[in-house]
């Protein structure tokens, strides 16, 4: 199983647009991606701070998610809203041998 969060800051003048896009993307994922185990955006502590929490059964499902028409349409619109880079942090089960990767 793959489980990670991505942390990022959104430009103040872009927050409303970012939230609109994140909401649209989340709705599409939940409606059309049965292999996606969990997908949700959250506000984090601090001005303009957000995270997205994602979980997939395997790498193939994550790649399928990234290849969907809604992902390839919406994510490029979100990126200009970022104020700096995003950081992805992977989590691994305590009692399992899981290969991790970093972005």
PDB file of N, CA and C in Angstrom:
ATOM      1  N   UNK A   1       0.846  -1.185   0.000  1.00  0.00           N
ATOM      2  CA  UNK A   1       0.000   0.000   0.000  1.00  0.00           C
ATOM      3  C   UNK A   1       0.888   1.244   0.000  1.00  0.00           C
ATOM      4  N   UNK A   2       0.447   2.265  -0.702  1.00  0.00           N
ATOM      5  CA  UNK A   2       1.140   3.549  -0.749  1.00  0.00           C
ATOM      6  C   UNK A   2       0.287   4.556  -0.001  1.00  0.00           C
ATOM      7  N   UNK A   3       0.911   5.280   0.930  1.00  0.00           N
ATOM      8  CA  UNK A   3       0.210   6.303   1.711  1.00  0.00           C
ATOM      9  C   UNK A   3       1.160   7.475   1.875  1.00  0.00           C
ATOM     10  N   UNK A   4       0.719   8.673   1.480  1.00  0.00           N
ATOM     11  CA  UNK A   4       1.578   9.840   1.627  1.00  0.00           C
ATOM     12  C   UNK A   4       0.750  11.106   1.774  1.00  0.00           C
ATOM     13  N   UNK A   5       1.438  12.139   2.242  1.00  0.00           N
ATOM     14  CA  UNK A   5       0.855  13.473   2.249  1.00  0.00           C
ATOM     15  C   UNK A   5       1.802  14.380   1.476  1.00  0.00           C
ATOM     16  N   UNK A   6       1.228  15.359   0.819  1.00  0.00           N
ATOM     17  CA  UNK A   6       2.020  16.408   0.178  1.00  0.00           C
ATOM     18  C   UNK A   6       1.647  17.715   0.852  1.00  0.00           C
ATOM     19  N   UNK A   7       2.664  18.452   1.290  1.00  0.00           N
ATOM     20  CA  UNK A   7       2.469  19.728   1.978  1.00  0.00           C
ATOM     21  C   UNK A   7       2.898  20.855   1.047  1.00  0.00           C
ATOM     22  N   UNK A   8       2.145  21.957   1.069  1.00  0.00           N
ATOM     23  CA  UNK A   8       2.490  23.091   0.221  1.00  0.00           C
ATOM     24  C   UNK A   8       1.803  24.351   0.726  1.00  0.00           C
ATOM     25  N   UNK A   9       2.276  25.479   0.225  1.00  0.00           N
ATOM     26  CA  UNK A   9       1.689  26.773   0.534  1.00  0.00           C
ATOM     27  C   UNK A   9       1.062  27.319  -0.747  1.00  0.00           C
ATOM     28  N   UNK A  10      -0.100  27.926  -0.590  1.00  0.00           N
ATOM     29  CA  UNK A  10      -0.819  28.519  -1.719  1.00  0.00           C
ATOM     30  C   UNK A  10      -0.743  30.043  -1.586  1.00  0.00           C
ATOM     31  N   UNK A  11      -0.523  30.713  -2.706  1.00  0.00           N
ATOM     32  CA  UNK A  11      -0.459  32.178  -2.723  1.00  0.00           C
ATOM     33  C   UNK A  11      -1.790  32.755  -2.223  1.00  0.00           C
ATOM     34  N   UNK A  12      -1.730  33.814  -1.415  1.00  0.00           N
ATOM     35  CA  UNK A  12      -2.966  34.377  -0.838  1.00  0.00           C
ATOM     36  C   UNK A  12      -4.024  34.741  -1.881  1.00  0.00           C
ATOM     37  N   UNK A  13      -3.607  35.297  -3.006  1.00  0.00           N
ATOM     38  CA  UNK A  13      -4.575  35.704  -4.023  1.00  0.00           C
ATOM     39  C   UNK A  13      -5.115  34.530  -4.843  1.00  0.00           C
ATOM     40  N   UNK A  14      -4.631  33.331  -4.545  1.00  0.00           N
ATOM     41  CA  UNK A  14      -5.026  32.129  -5.300  1.00  0.00           C
ATOM     42  C   UNK A  14      -5.836  31.148  -4.459  1.00  0.00           C
ATOM     43  N   UNK A  15      -6.020  31.418  -3.176  1.00  0.00           N
ATOM     44  CA  UNK A  15      -6.643  30.431  -2.297  1.00  0.00           C
ATOM     45  C   UNK A  15      -8.039  30.007  -2.765  1.00  0.00           C
ATOM     46  N   UNK A  16      -8.882  30.957  -3.136  1.00  0.00           N
ATOM     47  CA  UNK A  16     -10.241  30.613  -3.553  1.00  0.00           C
ATOM     48  C   UNK A  16     -10.218  29.723  -4.799  1.00  0.00           C
ATOM     49  N   UNK A  17      -9.379  30.061  -5.758  1.00  0.00           N
ATOM     50  CA  UNK A  17      -9.271  29.258  -6.983  1.00  0.00           C
ATOM     51  C   UNK A  17      -8.696  27.876  -6.661  1.00  0.00           C
ATOM     52  N   UNK A  18      -7.700  27.825  -5.813  1.00  0.00           N
ATOM     53  CA  UNK A  18      -7.114  26.550  -5.426  1.00  0.00           C
ATOM     54  C   UNK A  18      -8.165  25.649  -4.767  1.00  0.00           C
ATOM     55  N   UNK A  19      -8.929  26.202  -3.848  1.00  0.00           N
ATOM     56  CA  UNK A  19      -9.960  25.416  -3.154  1.00  0.00           C
ATOM     57  C   UNK A  19     -11.007  24.919  -4.142  1.00  0.00           C
ATOM     58  N   UNK A  20     -11.382  25.744  -5.104  1.00  0.00           N
ATOM     59  CA  UNK A  20     -12.341  25.326  -6.135  1.00  0.00           C
ATOM     60  C   UNK A  20     -11.780  24.147  -6.925  1.00  0.00           C
ATOM     61  N   UNK A  21     -10.520  24.251  -7.344  1.00  0.00           N
ATOM     62  CA  UNK A  21      -9.894  23.189  -8.125  1.00  0.00           C
ATOM     63  C   UNK A  21      -9.707  21.917  -7.294  1.00  0.00           C
ATOM     64  N   UNK A  22      -9.266  22.058  -6.052  1.00  0.00           N
ATOM     65  CA  UNK A  22      -9.060  20.893  -5.179  1.00  0.00           C
ATOM     66  C   UNK A  22     -10.383  20.173  -4.924  1.00  0.00           C
ATOM     67  N   UNK A  23     -11.443  20.934  -4.734  1.00  0.00           N
ATOM     68  CA  UNK A  23     -12.767  20.340  -4.518  1.00  0.00           C
ATOM     69  C   UNK A  23     -13.223  19.583  -5.759  1.00  0.00           C
ATOM     70  N   UNK A  24     -13.037  20.176  -6.918  1.00  0.00           N
ATOM     71  CA  UNK A  24     -13.422  19.520  -8.173  1.00  0.00           C
ATOM     72  C   UNK A  24     -12.626  18.237  -8.379  1.00  0.00           C
ATOM     73  N   UNK A  25     -11.324  18.305  -8.156  1.00  0.00           N
ATOM     74  CA  UNK A  25     -10.480  17.120  -8.329  1.00  0.00           C
ATOM     75  C   UNK A  25     -10.886  16.020  -7.354  1.00  0.00           C
ATOM     76  N   UNK A  26     -11.116  16.370  -6.114  1.00  0.00           N
ATOM     77  CA  UNK A  26     -11.520  15.388  -5.110  1.00  0.00           C
ATOM     78  C   UNK A  26     -12.828  14.707  -5.496  1.00  0.00           C
ATOM     79  N   UNK A  27     -13.793  15.476  -5.976  1.00  0.00           N
ATOM     80  CA  UNK A  27     -15.075  14.899  -6.394  1.00  0.00           C
ATOM     81  C   UNK A  27     -14.887  13.904  -7.530  1.00  0.00           C
ATOM     82  N   UNK A  28     -14.050  14.245  -8.503  1.00  0.00           N
ATOM     83  CA  UNK A  28     -13.791  13.342  -9.636  1.00  0.00           C
ATOM     84  C   UNK A  28     -13.102  12.059  -9.168  1.00  0.00           C
ATOM     85  N   UNK A  29     -12.092  12.213  -8.308  1.00  0.00           N
ATOM     86  CA  UNK A  29     -11.367  11.037  -7.810  1.00  0.00           C
ATOM     87  C   UNK A  29     -12.321  10.097  -7.084  1.00  0.00           C
ATOM     88  N   UNK A  30     -13.113  10.653  -6.183  1.00  0.00           N
ATOM     89  CA  UNK A  30     -14.015   9.816  -5.391  1.00  0.00           C
ATOM     90  C   UNK A  30     -15.101   9.163  -6.238  1.00  0.00           C
ATOM     91  N   UNK A  31     -15.538   9.826  -7.301  1.00  0.00           N
ATOM     92  CA  UNK A  31     -16.610   9.292  -8.139  1.00  0.00           C
ATOM     93  C   UNK A  31     -16.112   8.276  -9.174  1.00  0.00           C
ATOM     94  N   UNK A  32     -14.851   8.401  -9.596  1.00  0.00           N
ATOM     95  CA  UNK A  32     -14.407   7.620 -10.755  1.00  0.00           C
ATOM     96  C   UNK A  32     -13.154   6.780 -10.544  1.00  0.00           C
ATOM     97  N   UNK A  33     -12.605   6.761  -9.340  1.00  0.00           N
ATOM     98  CA  UNK A  33     -11.369   6.007  -9.121  1.00  0.00           C
ATOM     99  C   UNK A  33     -11.537   5.010  -7.971  1.00  0.00           C
ATOM    100  N   UNK A  34     -12.133   3.868  -8.243  1.00  0.00           N
ATOM    101  CA  UNK A  34     -12.356   2.894  -7.169  1.00  0.00           C
ATOM    102  C   UNK A  34     -11.070   2.343  -6.554  1.00  0.00           C
ATOM    103  N   UNK A  35      -9.956   2.410  -7.276  1.00  0.00           N
ATOM    104  CA  UNK A  35      -8.695   1.909  -6.729  1.00  0.00           C
ATOM    105  C   UNK A  35      -8.036   2.910  -5.776  1.00  0.00           C
ATOM    106  N   UNK A  36      -8.467   4.154  -5.804  1.00  0.00           N
ATOM    107  CA  UNK A  36      -7.913   5.139  -4.879  1.00  0.00           C
ATOM    108  C   UNK A  36      -8.542   4.898  -3.513  1.00  0.00           C
ATOM    109  N   UNK A  37      -7.711   4.566  -2.530  1.00  0.00           N
ATOM    110  CA  UNK A  37      -8.213   4.211  -1.212  1.00  0.00           C
ATOM    111  C   UNK A  37      -8.611   5.435  -0.394  1.00  0.00           C
ATOM    112  N   UNK A  38      -7.844   6.527  -0.528  1.00  0.00           N
ATOM    113  CA  UNK A  38      -8.149   7.748   0.217  1.00  0.00           C
ATOM    114  C   UNK A  38      -7.582   8.932  -0.544  1.00  0.00           C
ATOM    115  N   UNK A  39      -8.350  10.022  -0.574  1.00  0.00           N
ATOM    116  CA  UNK A  39      -7.905  11.220  -1.278  1.00  0.00           C
ATOM    117  C   UNK A  39      -8.642  12.412  -0.687  1.00  0.00           C
ATOM    118  N   UNK A  40      -7.911  13.319  -0.031  1.00  0.00           N
ATOM    119  CA  UNK A  40      -8.558  14.475   0.587  1.00  0.00           C
ATOM    120  C   UNK A  40      -7.559  15.601   0.788  1.00  0.00           C
ATOM    121  N   UNK A  41      -8.025  16.819   0.552  1.00  0.00           N
ATOM    122  CA  UNK A  41      -7.249  18.026   0.829  1.00  0.00           C
ATOM    123  C   UNK A  41      -7.654  18.572   2.192  1.00  0.00           C
ATOM    124  N   UNK A  42      -6.691  19.161   2.890  1.00  0.00           N
ATOM    125  CA  UNK A  42      -6.928  19.765   4.200  1.00  0.00           C
ATOM    126  C   UNK A  42      -6.182  21.087   4.297  1.00  0.00           C
ATOM    127  N   UNK A  43      -6.706  21.995   5.112  1.00  0.00           N
ATOM    128  CA  UNK A  43      -5.939  23.173   5.512  1.00  0.00           C
ATOM    129  C   UNK A  43      -4.982  22.724   6.605  1.00  0.00           C
ATOM    130  N   UNK A  44      -3.791  23.277   6.608  1.00  0.00           N
ATOM    131  CA  UNK A  44      -2.818  23.001   7.664  1.00  0.00           C
ATOM    132  C   UNK A  44      -2.630  24.281   8.481  1.00  0.00           C
ATOM    133  N   UNK A  45      -1.927  24.149   9.584  1.00  0.00           N
ATOM    134  CA  UNK A  45      -1.653  25.332  10.393  1.00  0.00           C
ATOM    135  C   UNK A  45      -0.751  26.293   9.630  1.00  0.00           C
ATOM    136  N   UNK A  46      -1.081  27.557   9.681  1.00  0.00           N
ATOM    137  CA  UNK A  46      -0.273  28.587   9.038  1.00  0.00           C
ATOM    138  C   UNK A  46      -0.970  29.160   7.822  1.00  0.00           C
ATOM    139  N   UNK A  47      -0.666  30.400   7.509  1.00  0.00           N
ATOM    140  CA  UNK A  47      -1.302  31.068   6.365  1.00  0.00           C
ATOM    141  C   UNK A  47      -1.028  30.366   5.043  1.00  0.00           C
ATOM    142  N   UNK A  48      -2.084  30.056   4.325  1.00  0.00           N
ATOM    143  CA  UNK A  48      -1.966  29.461   3.002  1.00  0.00           C
ATOM    144  C   UNK A  48      -1.439  28.041   2.977  1.00  0.00           C
ATOM    145  N   UNK A  49      -1.363  27.390   4.115  1.00  0.00           N
ATOM    146  CA  UNK A  49      -0.805  26.032   4.177  1.00  0.00           C
ATOM    147  C   UNK A  49      -1.904  24.996   3.935  1.00  0.00           C
ATOM    148  N   UNK A  50      -1.610  24.036   3.077  1.00  0.00           N
ATOM    149  CA  UNK A  50      -2.530  22.962   2.729  1.00  0.00           C
ATOM    150  C   UNK A  50      -1.765  21.651   2.658  1.00  0.00           C
ATOM    151  N   UNK A  51      -2.498  20.544   2.733  1.00  0.00           N
ATOM    152  CA  UNK A  51      -1.948  19.209   2.492  1.00  0.00           C
ATOM    153  C   UNK A  51      -2.974  18.417   1.696  1.00  0.00           C
ATOM    154  N   UNK A  52      -2.477  17.462   0.947  1.00  0.00           N
ATOM    155  CA  UNK A  52      -3.344  16.466   0.326  1.00  0.00           C
ATOM    156  C   UNK A  52      -2.872  15.112   0.843  1.00  0.00           C
ATOM    157  N   UNK A  53      -3.826  14.294   1.279  1.00  0.00           N
ATOM    158  CA  UNK A  53      -3.545  12.959   1.800  1.00  0.00           C
ATOM    159  C   UNK A  53      -4.025  11.970   0.740  1.00  0.00           C
ATOM    160  N   UNK A  54      -3.134  11.063   0.355  1.00  0.00           N
ATOM    161  CA  UNK A  54      -3.458  10.114  -0.711  1.00  0.00           C
ATOM    162  C   UNK A  54      -3.039   8.703  -0.320  1.00  0.00           C
ATOM    163  N   UNK A  55      -3.845   7.735  -0.731  1.00  0.00           N
ATOM    164  CA  UNK A  55      -3.500   6.346  -0.496  1.00  0.00           C
ATOM    165  C   UNK A  55      -3.986   5.493  -1.670  1.00  0.00           C
ATOM    166  N   UNK A  56      -3.103   4.572  -2.080  1.00  0.00           N
ATOM    167  CA  UNK A  56      -3.382   3.684  -3.205  1.00  0.00           C
ATOM    168  C   UNK A  56      -2.931   2.276  -2.830  1.00  0.00           C
ATOM    169  N   UNK A  57      -3.546   1.249  -3.400  1.00  0.00           N
ATOM    170  CA  UNK A  57      -3.138  -0.111  -3.066  1.00  0.00           C
ATOM    171  C   UNK A  57      -1.737  -0.453  -3.581  1.00  0.00           C
ATOM    172  N   UNK A  58      -1.334   0.223  -4.668  1.00  0.00           N
ATOM    173  CA  UNK A  58      -0.026  -0.061  -5.253  1.00  0.00           C
ATOM    174  C   UNK A  58       0.373   1.075  -6.192  1.00  0.00           C
ATOM    175  N   UNK A  59       1.591   0.972  -6.716  1.00  0.00           N
ATOM    176  CA  UNK A  59       2.113   2.006  -7.610  1.00  0.00           C
ATOM    177  C   UNK A  59       1.288   2.135  -8.892  1.00  0.00           C
ATOM    178  N   UNK A  60       0.802   1.015  -9.399  1.00  0.00           N
ATOM    179  CA  UNK A  60       0.007   1.047 -10.628  1.00  0.00           C
ATOM    180  C   UNK A  60      -1.240   1.907 -10.445  1.00  0.00           C
ATOM    181  N   UNK A  61      -1.907   1.782  -9.308  1.00  0.00           N
ATOM    182  CA  UNK A  61      -3.109   2.583  -9.048  1.00  0.00           C
ATOM    183  C   UNK A  61      -2.762   4.066  -8.925  1.00  0.00           C
ATOM    184  N   UNK A  62      -1.617   4.368  -8.325  1.00  0.00           N
ATOM    185  CA  UNK A  62      -1.191   5.771  -8.240  1.00  0.00           C
ATOM    186  C   UNK A  62      -0.940   6.335  -9.639  1.00  0.00           C
ATOM    187  N   UNK A  63      -0.290   5.553 -10.495  1.00  0.00           N
ATOM    188  CA  UNK A  63      -0.027   6.004 -11.862  1.00  0.00           C
ATOM    189  C   UNK A  63      -1.322   6.158 -12.661  1.00  0.00           C
ATOM    190  N   UNK A  64      -2.274   5.256 -12.437  1.00  0.00           N
ATOM    191  CA  UNK A  64      -3.587   5.387 -13.087  1.00  0.00           C
ATOM    192  C   UNK A  64      -4.244   6.707 -12.676  1.00  0.00           C
ATOM    193  N   UNK A  65      -4.186   7.022 -11.390  1.00  0.00           N
ATOM    194  CA  UNK A  65      -4.743   8.276 -10.877  1.00  0.00           C
ATOM    195  C   UNK A  65      -4.108   9.471 -11.586  1.00  0.00           C
ATOM    196  N   UNK A  66      -2.796   9.460 -11.701  1.00  0.00           N
ATOM    197  CA  UNK A  66      -2.082  10.574 -12.319  1.00  0.00           C
ATOM    198  C   UNK A  66      -2.312  10.670 -13.827  1.00  0.00           C
ATOM    199  N   UNK A  67      -2.854   9.627 -14.421  1.00  0.00           N
ATOM    200  CA  UNK A  67      -3.111   9.612 -15.869  1.00  0.00           C
ATOM    201  C   UNK A  67      -4.558   9.914 -16.233  1.00  0.00           C
ATOM    202  N   UNK A  68      -5.415  10.133 -15.244  1.00  0.00           N
ATOM    203  CA  UNK A  68      -6.823  10.388 -15.539  1.00  0.00           C
ATOM    204  C   UNK A  68      -7.003  11.749 -16.219  1.00  0.00           C
ATOM    205  N   UNK A  69      -8.060  11.895 -17.008  1.00  0.00           N
ATOM    206  CA  UNK A  69      -8.302  13.182 -17.667  1.00  0.00           C
ATOM    207  C   UNK A  69      -8.474  14.331 -16.671  1.00  0.00           C
ATOM    208  N   UNK A  70      -9.132  14.075 -15.532  1.00  0.00           N
ATOM    209  CA  UNK A  70      -9.342  15.150 -14.557  1.00  0.00           C
ATOM    210  C   UNK A  70      -8.039  15.549 -13.885  1.00  0.00           C
ATOM    211  N   UNK A  71      -7.166  14.587 -13.603  1.00  0.00           N
ATOM    212  CA  UNK A  71      -5.873  14.917 -13.003  1.00  0.00           C
ATOM    213  C   UNK A  71      -5.046  15.749 -13.977  1.00  0.00           C
ATOM    214  N   UNK A  72      -4.957  15.278 -15.227  1.00  0.00           N
ATOM    215  CA  UNK A  72      -4.121  15.979 -16.208  1.00  0.00           C
ATOM    216  C   UNK A  72      -4.694  17.337 -16.602  1.00  0.00           C
ATOM    217  N   UNK A  73      -5.977  17.546 -16.379  1.00  0.00           N
ATOM    218  CA  UNK A  73      -6.597  18.847 -16.654  1.00  0.00           C
ATOM    219  C   UNK A  73      -6.481  19.789 -15.459  1.00  0.00           C
ATOM    220  N   UNK A  74      -6.763  19.293 -14.257  1.00  0.00           N
ATOM    221  CA  UNK A  74      -6.893  20.161 -13.090  1.00  0.00           C
ATOM    222  C   UNK A  74      -5.550  20.477 -12.428  1.00  0.00           C
ATOM    223  N   UNK A  75      -4.687  19.495 -12.270  1.00  0.00           N
ATOM    224  CA  UNK A  75      -3.431  19.730 -11.541  1.00  0.00           C
ATOM    225  C   UNK A  75      -2.575  20.820 -12.184  1.00  0.00           C
ATOM    226  N   UNK A  76      -2.429  20.868 -13.508  1.00  0.00           N
ATOM    227  CA  UNK A  76      -1.651  21.966 -14.078  1.00  0.00           C
ATOM    228  C   UNK A  76      -2.238  23.358 -13.768  1.00  0.00           C
ATOM    229  N   UNK A  77      -3.532  23.423 -13.519  1.00  0.00           N
ATOM    230  CA  UNK A  77      -4.151  24.695 -13.129  1.00  0.00           C
ATOM    231  C   UNK A  77      -3.854  25.035 -11.664  1.00  0.00           C
ATOM    232  N   UNK A  78      -3.602  24.017 -10.851  1.00  0.00           N
ATOM    233  CA  UNK A  78      -3.313  24.215  -9.431  1.00  0.00           C
ATOM    234  C   UNK A  78      -1.877  24.686  -9.200  1.00  0.00           C
ATOM    235  N   UNK A  79      -0.961  24.190  -9.977  1.00  0.00           N
ATOM    236  CA  UNK A  79       0.463  24.438  -9.747  1.00  0.00           C
ATOM    237  C   UNK A  79       0.821  25.927  -9.700  1.00  0.00           C
ATOM    238  N   UNK A  80       0.272  26.773 -10.569  1.00  0.00           N
ATOM    239  CA  UNK A  80       0.611  28.200 -10.460  1.00  0.00           C
ATOM    240  C   UNK A  80       0.147  28.842  -9.149  1.00  0.00           C
ATOM    241  N   UNK A  81      -0.747  28.188  -8.442  1.00  0.00           N
ATOM    242  CA  UNK A  81      -1.209  28.706  -7.142  1.00  0.00           C
ATOM    243  C   UNK A  81      -0.206  28.445  -6.030  1.00  0.00           C
ATOM    244  N   UNK A  82       0.726  27.517  -6.247  1.00  0.00           N
ATOM    245  CA  UNK A  82       1.695  27.180  -5.202  1.00  0.00           C
ATOM    246  C   UNK A  82       2.678  28.327  -4.995  1.00  0.00           C
ATOM    247  N   UNK A  83       2.995  28.569  -3.739  1.00  0.00           N
ATOM    248  CA  UNK A  83       4.002  29.557  -3.369  1.00  0.00           C
ATOM    249  C   UNK A  83       5.220  28.784  -2.880  1.00  0.00           C
ATOM    250  N   UNK A  84       6.029  28.334  -3.817  1.00  0.00           N
ATOM    251  CA  UNK A  84       7.178  27.501  -3.493  1.00  0.00           C
ATOM    252  C   UNK A  84       6.899  26.050  -3.819  1.00  0.00           C
ATOM    253  N   UNK A  85       7.842  25.175  -3.488  1.00  0.00           N
ATOM    254  CA  UNK A  85       7.712  23.759  -3.823  1.00  0.00           C
ATOM    255  C   UNK A  85       6.762  23.029  -2.862  1.00  0.00           C
ATOM    256  N   UNK A  86       6.383  21.821  -3.264  1.00  0.00           N
ATOM    257  CA  UNK A  86       5.622  20.970  -2.359  1.00  0.00           C
ATOM    258  C   UNK A  86       6.570  19.901  -1.824  1.00  0.00           C
ATOM    259  N   UNK A  87       6.230  19.357  -0.670  1.00  0.00           N
ATOM    260  CA  UNK A  87       7.029  18.296  -0.066  1.00  0.00           C
ATOM    261  C   UNK A  87       6.126  17.088   0.125  1.00  0.00           C
ATOM    262  N   UNK A  88       6.548  15.959  -0.394  1.00  0.00           N
ATOM    263  CA  UNK A  88       5.786  14.715  -0.256  1.00  0.00           C
ATOM    264  C   UNK A  88       6.454  13.853   0.810  1.00  0.00           C
ATOM    265  N   UNK A  89       5.634  13.351   1.737  1.00  0.00           N
ATOM    266  CA  UNK A  89       6.127  12.517   2.817  1.00  0.00           C
ATOM    267  C   UNK A  89       5.368  11.192   2.803  1.00  0.00           C
ATOM    268  N   UNK A  90       6.122  10.095   2.648  1.00  0.00           N
ATOM    269  CA  UNK A  90       5.533   8.761   2.595  1.00  0.00           C
ATOM    270  C   UNK A  90       5.474   8.152   3.991  1.00  0.00           C
ATOM    271  N   UNK A  91       4.456   7.330   4.213  1.00  0.00           N
ATOM    272  CA  UNK A  91       4.287   6.619   5.470  1.00  0.00           C
ATOM    273  C   UNK A  91       4.232   5.129   5.171  1.00  0.00           C
ATOM    274  N   UNK A  92       4.829   4.338   6.058  1.00  0.00           N
ATOM    275  CA  UNK A  92       4.925   2.905   5.840  1.00  0.00           C
ATOM    276  C   UNK A  92       4.388   2.159   7.061  1.00  0.00           C
ATOM    277  N   UNK A  93       3.652   1.070   6.851  1.00  0.00           N
ATOM    278  CA  UNK A  93       3.138   0.288   7.970  1.00  0.00           C
ATOM    279  C   UNK A  93       4.283  -0.181   8.886  1.00  0.00           C
ATOM    280  N   UNK A  94       4.021  -0.226  10.172  1.00  0.00           N
ATOM    281  CA  UNK A  94       5.052  -0.630  11.132  1.00  0.00           C
ATOM    282  C   UNK A  94       5.489  -2.070  10.971  1.00  0.00           C
ATOM    283  N   UNK A  95       4.565  -2.943  10.626  1.00  0.00           N
ATOM    284  CA  UNK A  95       4.870  -4.370  10.587  1.00  0.00           C
ATOM    285  C   UNK A  95       4.919  -4.938   9.184  1.00  0.00           C
ATOM    286  N   UNK A  96       5.376  -4.126   8.253  1.00  0.00           N
ATOM    287  CA  UNK A  96       5.466  -4.611   6.875  1.00  0.00           C
ATOM    288  C   UNK A  96       6.745  -4.077   6.245  1.00  0.00           C
ATOM    289  N   UNK A  97       7.281  -4.833   5.361  1.00  0.00           N
ATOM    290  CA  UNK A  97       8.446  -4.396   4.603  1.00  0.00           C
ATOM    291  C   UNK A  97       7.946  -3.732   3.327  1.00  0.00           C
ATOM    292  N   UNK A  98       8.027  -2.427   3.288  1.00  0.00           N
ATOM    293  CA  UNK A  98       7.494  -1.667   2.161  1.00  0.00           C
ATOM    294  C   UNK A  98       8.593  -0.819   1.568  1.00  0.00           C
ATOM    295  N   UNK A  99       8.765  -0.922   0.277  1.00  0.00           N
ATOM    296  CA  UNK A  99       9.705  -0.049  -0.408  1.00  0.00           C
ATOM    297  C   UNK A  99       9.093   1.334  -0.527  1.00  0.00           C
ATOM    298  N   UNK A 100       9.796   2.342  -0.149  1.00  0.00           N
ATOM    299  CA  UNK A 100       9.295   3.706  -0.251  1.00  0.00           C
ATOM    300  C   UNK A 100      10.038   4.461  -1.317  1.00  0.00           C
ATOM    301  N   UNK A 101       9.466   5.568  -1.707  1.00  0.00           N
ATOM    302  CA  UNK A 101      10.142   6.455  -2.652  1.00  0.00           C
ATOM    303  C   UNK A 101       9.865   7.878  -2.215  1.00  0.00           C
ATOM    304  N   UNK A 102      10.626   8.766  -2.754  1.00  0.00           N
ATOM    305  CA  UNK A 102      10.443  10.183  -2.422  1.00  0.00           C
ATOM    306  C   UNK A 102      10.259  10.970  -3.695  1.00  0.00           C
ATOM    307  N   UNK A 103       9.611  12.092  -3.559  1.00  0.00           N
ATOM    308  CA  UNK A 103       9.404  12.961  -4.726  1.00  0.00           C
ATOM    309  C   UNK A 103      10.248  14.195  -4.572  1.00  0.00           C
TER     310      UNK A 103
END
